[in-house]
N, C-alpha and C. Protein backbone atom coordinates (compact mmCIF):
# COMPACT_ATOMS: atom_id res chain seq x y z
N VAL A 1 -52.89 97.12 -3.01
CA VAL A 1 -51.71 97.39 -3.83
C VAL A 1 -51.05 98.67 -3.31
N GLN A 2 -49.78 98.59 -3.06
CA GLN A 2 -49.07 99.72 -2.49
C GLN A 2 -48.45 100.59 -3.58
N LEU A 3 -48.47 101.87 -3.34
CA LEU A 3 -47.81 102.79 -4.23
C LEU A 3 -46.30 102.69 -4.07
N VAL A 4 -45.59 103.00 -5.14
CA VAL A 4 -44.13 102.93 -5.11
C VAL A 4 -43.58 104.28 -5.56
N GLU A 5 -42.92 104.98 -4.66
CA GLU A 5 -42.30 106.26 -4.98
C GLU A 5 -40.79 106.08 -5.03
N SER A 6 -40.15 106.88 -5.89
CA SER A 6 -38.69 106.84 -6.00
C SER A 6 -38.18 108.19 -6.43
N GLY A 7 -36.87 108.39 -6.25
CA GLY A 7 -36.24 109.59 -6.75
C GLY A 7 -35.69 110.52 -5.69
N GLY A 8 -35.92 110.22 -4.43
CA GLY A 8 -35.45 111.10 -3.37
C GLY A 8 -33.95 110.98 -3.17
N GLY A 9 -33.46 111.76 -2.21
CA GLY A 9 -32.04 111.71 -1.92
C GLY A 9 -31.60 112.86 -1.06
N LEU A 10 -30.30 112.97 -0.90
CA LEU A 10 -29.69 114.07 -0.14
C LEU A 10 -29.13 115.07 -1.14
N VAL A 11 -29.58 116.31 -1.05
CA VAL A 11 -29.14 117.34 -1.97
C VAL A 11 -28.83 118.62 -1.22
N GLN A 12 -28.05 119.46 -1.83
CA GLN A 12 -27.77 120.77 -1.27
C GLN A 12 -28.88 121.74 -1.65
N ALA A 13 -29.04 122.76 -0.87
CA ALA A 13 -30.02 123.80 -1.20
C ALA A 13 -29.76 124.31 -2.61
N GLY A 14 -30.84 124.48 -3.35
CA GLY A 14 -30.73 124.90 -4.73
C GLY A 14 -30.71 123.77 -5.72
N GLY A 15 -30.60 122.56 -5.22
CA GLY A 15 -30.53 121.40 -6.10
C GLY A 15 -31.88 120.98 -6.63
N SER A 16 -31.86 119.94 -7.47
CA SER A 16 -33.08 119.44 -8.11
C SER A 16 -33.16 117.92 -8.00
N LEU A 17 -34.38 117.44 -8.04
CA LEU A 17 -34.64 116.01 -8.05
C LEU A 17 -35.88 115.76 -8.91
N ARG A 18 -36.04 114.52 -9.33
CA ARG A 18 -37.25 114.12 -10.06
C ARG A 18 -37.79 112.85 -9.45
N PHE A 19 -39.04 112.91 -9.01
CA PHE A 19 -39.67 111.76 -8.36
C PHE A 19 -40.59 111.06 -9.35
N SER A 20 -40.75 109.76 -9.13
CA SER A 20 -41.71 108.97 -9.89
C SER A 20 -42.61 108.22 -8.93
N CYS A 21 -43.81 107.93 -9.37
CA CYS A 21 -44.76 107.20 -8.54
C CYS A 21 -45.60 106.28 -9.43
N SER A 22 -45.71 105.03 -9.05
CA SER A 22 -46.54 104.09 -9.81
C SER A 22 -47.22 103.14 -8.84
N ALA A 23 -48.20 102.42 -9.34
CA ALA A 23 -48.93 101.45 -8.53
C ALA A 23 -49.13 100.20 -9.38
N PRO A 24 -48.23 99.25 -9.29
CA PRO A 24 -48.34 98.04 -10.10
C PRO A 24 -49.70 97.39 -9.99
N GLY A 25 -50.35 97.18 -11.14
CA GLY A 25 -51.64 96.54 -11.15
C GLY A 25 -52.82 97.46 -10.95
N ARG A 26 -52.55 98.72 -10.73
CA ARG A 26 -53.63 99.68 -10.54
C ARG A 26 -53.48 100.82 -11.54
N THR A 27 -54.59 101.43 -11.88
CA THR A 27 -54.54 102.54 -12.83
C THR A 27 -54.79 103.85 -12.11
N PHE A 28 -54.16 104.89 -12.62
CA PHE A 28 -54.41 106.23 -12.13
C PHE A 28 -55.41 106.97 -13.02
N VAL A 29 -55.75 106.36 -14.16
CA VAL A 29 -56.60 107.04 -15.12
C VAL A 29 -57.95 107.35 -14.50
N GLY A 30 -58.39 108.59 -14.68
CA GLY A 30 -59.68 109.01 -14.16
C GLY A 30 -59.63 109.64 -12.79
N TYR A 31 -58.46 109.58 -12.16
CA TYR A 31 -58.34 110.11 -10.80
C TYR A 31 -57.45 111.35 -10.78
N VAL A 32 -57.82 112.29 -9.92
CA VAL A 32 -56.91 113.38 -9.60
C VAL A 32 -55.82 112.79 -8.71
N MET A 33 -54.59 112.99 -9.12
CA MET A 33 -53.46 112.48 -8.34
C MET A 33 -52.77 113.62 -7.63
N ALA A 34 -52.10 113.31 -6.55
CA ALA A 34 -51.46 114.34 -5.74
C ALA A 34 -50.13 113.84 -5.18
N TRP A 35 -49.28 114.79 -4.92
CA TRP A 35 -48.07 114.53 -4.14
C TRP A 35 -48.29 115.11 -2.76
N PHE A 36 -47.85 114.35 -1.77
CA PHE A 36 -47.94 114.73 -0.38
C PHE A 36 -46.53 114.72 0.20
N ARG A 37 -46.37 115.38 1.31
CA ARG A 37 -45.11 115.26 2.02
C ARG A 37 -45.35 115.36 3.51
N GLN A 38 -44.45 114.72 4.25
CA GLN A 38 -44.54 114.75 5.70
C GLN A 38 -43.17 115.09 6.25
N ALA A 39 -43.09 116.27 6.83
CA ALA A 39 -41.84 116.72 7.45
C ALA A 39 -41.78 116.18 8.87
N PRO A 40 -40.59 116.10 9.44
CA PRO A 40 -40.46 115.59 10.81
C PRO A 40 -41.35 116.34 11.78
N GLY A 41 -42.15 115.60 12.53
CA GLY A 41 -43.00 116.19 13.54
C GLY A 41 -44.24 116.87 13.02
N LYS A 42 -44.52 116.73 11.73
CA LYS A 42 -45.68 117.39 11.13
C LYS A 42 -46.62 116.38 10.48
N GLU A 43 -47.83 116.82 10.18
CA GLU A 43 -48.81 115.98 9.51
C GLU A 43 -48.46 115.88 8.02
N ARG A 44 -48.89 114.79 7.42
CA ARG A 44 -48.73 114.65 5.97
C ARG A 44 -49.69 115.62 5.29
N GLU A 45 -49.19 116.32 4.27
CA GLU A 45 -50.01 117.33 3.60
C GLU A 45 -49.85 117.23 2.10
N SER A 46 -50.94 117.52 1.41
CA SER A 46 -50.92 117.58 -0.04
C SER A 46 -50.43 118.93 -0.48
N PHE A 47 -49.57 118.98 -1.51
CA PHE A 47 -49.06 120.26 -1.96
C PHE A 47 -49.11 120.43 -3.48
N ALA A 48 -49.41 119.36 -4.21
CA ALA A 48 -49.51 119.47 -5.66
C ALA A 48 -50.51 118.43 -6.16
N THR A 49 -51.39 118.86 -7.06
CA THR A 49 -52.36 117.93 -7.64
C THR A 49 -52.39 118.09 -9.15
N ILE A 50 -52.87 117.05 -9.81
CA ILE A 50 -53.01 117.07 -11.27
C ILE A 50 -54.26 116.30 -11.64
N ASN A 51 -55.04 116.87 -12.55
CA ASN A 51 -56.28 116.19 -12.92
C ASN A 51 -55.98 115.01 -13.84
N TRP A 52 -57.04 114.26 -14.21
CA TRP A 52 -56.81 113.00 -14.89
C TRP A 52 -56.15 113.18 -16.25
N SER A 53 -56.42 114.29 -16.92
CA SER A 53 -55.83 114.50 -18.25
C SER A 53 -54.47 115.15 -18.19
N GLY A 54 -54.12 115.71 -17.04
CA GLY A 54 -52.87 116.43 -16.94
C GLY A 54 -52.98 117.89 -17.32
N GLY A 55 -54.18 118.33 -17.67
CA GLY A 55 -54.35 119.69 -18.14
C GLY A 55 -54.56 120.72 -17.05
N SER A 56 -54.75 120.27 -15.84
CA SER A 56 -55.00 121.20 -14.73
C SER A 56 -54.17 120.78 -13.53
N THR A 57 -53.43 121.73 -13.00
CA THR A 57 -52.60 121.45 -11.83
C THR A 57 -52.83 122.49 -10.76
N TYR A 58 -52.47 122.12 -9.54
CA TYR A 58 -52.56 123.02 -8.39
C TYR A 58 -51.31 122.85 -7.55
N TYR A 59 -50.81 123.97 -7.04
CA TYR A 59 -49.65 123.94 -6.17
C TYR A 59 -49.89 124.78 -4.93
N ALA A 60 -49.42 124.31 -3.80
CA ALA A 60 -49.42 125.13 -2.60
C ALA A 60 -48.43 126.26 -2.80
N ASP A 61 -48.67 127.37 -2.12
CA ASP A 61 -47.79 128.53 -2.27
C ASP A 61 -46.33 128.20 -1.94
N SER A 62 -46.14 127.27 -1.03
CA SER A 62 -44.79 126.95 -0.57
C SER A 62 -43.92 126.32 -1.67
N VAL A 63 -44.55 125.75 -2.70
CA VAL A 63 -43.78 125.07 -3.75
C VAL A 63 -44.01 125.68 -5.13
N LYS A 64 -44.95 126.59 -5.23
CA LYS A 64 -45.31 127.17 -6.53
C LYS A 64 -44.09 127.81 -7.18
N GLY A 65 -43.89 127.51 -8.44
CA GLY A 65 -42.78 128.06 -9.19
C GLY A 65 -41.51 127.24 -9.10
N ARG A 66 -41.49 126.28 -8.17
CA ARG A 66 -40.29 125.44 -8.00
C ARG A 66 -40.57 123.98 -8.32
N PHE A 67 -41.79 123.52 -8.08
CA PHE A 67 -42.17 122.12 -8.28
C PHE A 67 -43.12 122.02 -9.47
N THR A 68 -43.02 120.92 -10.21
CA THR A 68 -43.92 120.67 -11.34
C THR A 68 -44.40 119.23 -11.30
N ILE A 69 -45.72 119.07 -11.24
CA ILE A 69 -46.33 117.74 -11.25
C ILE A 69 -46.74 117.41 -12.68
N SER A 70 -46.57 116.16 -13.06
CA SER A 70 -46.99 115.71 -14.38
C SER A 70 -47.38 114.24 -14.29
N ARG A 71 -47.97 113.73 -15.35
CA ARG A 71 -48.38 112.33 -15.34
C ARG A 71 -48.32 111.76 -16.74
N ASP A 72 -48.14 110.45 -16.80
CA ASP A 72 -48.16 109.71 -18.05
C ASP A 72 -49.15 108.58 -17.86
N ASN A 73 -50.35 108.74 -18.39
CA ASN A 73 -51.41 107.76 -18.16
C ASN A 73 -51.15 106.44 -18.89
N ILE A 74 -50.31 106.46 -19.93
CA ILE A 74 -49.96 105.21 -20.60
C ILE A 74 -49.02 104.40 -19.72
N LYS A 75 -48.07 105.08 -19.10
CA LYS A 75 -47.14 104.41 -18.20
C LYS A 75 -47.71 104.28 -16.78
N ASN A 76 -48.88 104.87 -16.55
CA ASN A 76 -49.49 104.82 -15.23
C ASN A 76 -48.53 105.32 -14.16
N THR A 77 -47.95 106.47 -14.43
CA THR A 77 -46.92 107.03 -13.55
C THR A 77 -47.17 108.51 -13.36
N VAL A 78 -46.93 108.96 -12.15
CA VAL A 78 -47.01 110.38 -11.82
C VAL A 78 -45.61 110.85 -11.45
N TYR A 79 -45.26 112.04 -11.89
CA TYR A 79 -43.92 112.57 -11.68
C TYR A 79 -43.99 113.87 -10.88
N LEU A 80 -42.86 114.20 -10.26
CA LEU A 80 -42.71 115.50 -9.61
C LEU A 80 -41.29 115.97 -9.84
N GLN A 81 -41.16 117.06 -10.57
CA GLN A 81 -39.87 117.71 -10.76
C GLN A 81 -39.73 118.79 -9.69
N VAL A 82 -38.68 118.71 -8.91
CA VAL A 82 -38.48 119.68 -7.83
C VAL A 82 -37.17 120.42 -8.07
N ASN A 83 -37.27 121.72 -8.14
CA ASN A 83 -36.10 122.57 -8.39
C ASN A 83 -35.92 123.56 -7.25
N ASN A 84 -34.71 124.11 -7.19
CA ASN A 84 -34.42 125.13 -6.18
C ASN A 84 -34.85 124.67 -4.79
N LEU A 85 -34.43 123.47 -4.42
CA LEU A 85 -34.83 122.91 -3.14
C LEU A 85 -34.31 123.75 -1.98
N LYS A 86 -35.11 123.79 -0.92
CA LYS A 86 -34.77 124.54 0.28
C LYS A 86 -34.73 123.57 1.47
N PRO A 87 -34.02 123.91 2.52
CA PRO A 87 -33.99 123.03 3.70
C PRO A 87 -35.38 122.69 4.22
N GLU A 88 -36.31 123.62 4.11
CA GLU A 88 -37.67 123.36 4.60
C GLU A 88 -38.43 122.38 3.72
N ASP A 89 -37.87 121.96 2.61
CA ASP A 89 -38.48 120.93 1.78
C ASP A 89 -38.12 119.52 2.28
N THR A 90 -37.26 119.45 3.27
CA THR A 90 -36.88 118.15 3.83
C THR A 90 -38.12 117.44 4.36
N ALA A 91 -38.38 116.24 3.84
CA ALA A 91 -39.59 115.50 4.20
C ALA A 91 -39.55 114.15 3.50
N VAL A 92 -40.51 113.32 3.84
CA VAL A 92 -40.78 112.11 3.07
C VAL A 92 -41.91 112.44 2.10
N TYR A 93 -41.70 112.13 0.84
CA TYR A 93 -42.65 112.48 -0.21
C TYR A 93 -43.43 111.24 -0.65
N TYR A 94 -44.74 111.41 -0.78
CA TYR A 94 -45.64 110.33 -1.16
C TYR A 94 -46.54 110.80 -2.30
N CYS A 95 -47.07 109.85 -3.04
CA CYS A 95 -48.13 110.18 -3.97
C CYS A 95 -49.35 109.33 -3.64
N ASN A 96 -50.51 109.76 -4.09
CA ASN A 96 -51.74 109.01 -3.91
C ASN A 96 -52.85 109.74 -4.65
N ARG A 97 -53.99 109.14 -4.71
CA ARG A 97 -55.16 109.83 -5.22
C ARG A 97 -55.46 110.99 -4.27
N GLN A 98 -55.92 112.09 -4.84
CA GLN A 98 -56.21 113.25 -4.01
C GLN A 98 -57.40 112.97 -3.09
N GLY A 99 -58.40 112.29 -3.62
CA GLY A 99 -59.59 112.01 -2.82
C GLY A 99 -59.76 110.52 -2.56
N GLU A 100 -60.87 110.20 -1.93
CA GLU A 100 -61.18 108.80 -1.64
C GLU A 100 -61.77 108.13 -2.87
N PRO A 101 -61.59 106.82 -3.02
CA PRO A 101 -60.81 105.96 -2.15
C PRO A 101 -59.32 106.04 -2.45
N ARG A 102 -58.53 106.19 -1.39
CA ARG A 102 -57.09 106.24 -1.57
C ARG A 102 -56.55 104.81 -1.77
N LEU A 103 -55.44 104.75 -2.45
CA LEU A 103 -54.70 103.50 -2.54
C LEU A 103 -53.88 103.34 -1.25
N ASP A 104 -53.40 102.15 -1.00
CA ASP A 104 -52.53 101.95 0.17
C ASP A 104 -51.28 102.82 0.04
N TRP A 105 -50.95 103.52 1.09
CA TRP A 105 -49.77 104.40 1.05
C TRP A 105 -48.51 103.58 0.87
N GLY A 106 -47.60 104.13 0.06
CA GLY A 106 -46.30 103.51 -0.11
C GLY A 106 -45.34 103.93 0.99
N GLN A 107 -44.08 103.56 0.82
CA GLN A 107 -43.06 103.90 1.80
C GLN A 107 -42.62 105.35 1.66
N GLY A 108 -42.92 105.94 0.52
CA GLY A 108 -42.48 107.30 0.29
C GLY A 108 -41.01 107.33 -0.11
N THR A 109 -40.56 108.52 -0.44
CA THR A 109 -39.14 108.71 -0.79
C THR A 109 -38.61 109.89 0.01
N GLN A 110 -37.52 109.67 0.69
CA GLN A 110 -36.96 110.67 1.61
C GLN A 110 -36.16 111.71 0.84
N VAL A 111 -36.41 112.96 1.17
CA VAL A 111 -35.62 114.07 0.63
C VAL A 111 -35.03 114.83 1.80
N THR A 112 -33.74 115.00 1.76
CA THR A 112 -33.05 115.79 2.77
C THR A 112 -32.26 116.88 2.06
N VAL A 113 -32.56 118.12 2.42
CA VAL A 113 -31.91 119.26 1.78
C VAL A 113 -31.00 119.93 2.80
N SER A 114 -29.73 119.98 2.48
CA SER A 114 -28.77 120.61 3.37
C SER A 114 -28.53 122.06 2.96
N SER A 115 -28.29 122.88 3.95
CA SER A 115 -28.09 124.31 3.67
C SER A 115 -26.63 124.62 3.38
């Protein structure tokens, strides 16, 4: 089952977006979920995680204070609110379980931030 991410787009620096991620037929309950991103020419990296209850989150320094991860276990959806976007945030954004076993990676959602 492939993950489905949405919400990306082309925005100017300083703009905001809200991403959603779901996996039809699969549950996220009980798993630490994460958002990853892959910038051109770079490896895919995790930058935000949320525990199964939503009560504990982690952010990489590069996004701390600007990005907020959340989840709705009833809707089986993980969200990412991104504010004050910078050109260096340009990447394809993915979600998945933080650890193994991972679900099949989705297509991701492209974010392009213009200066």
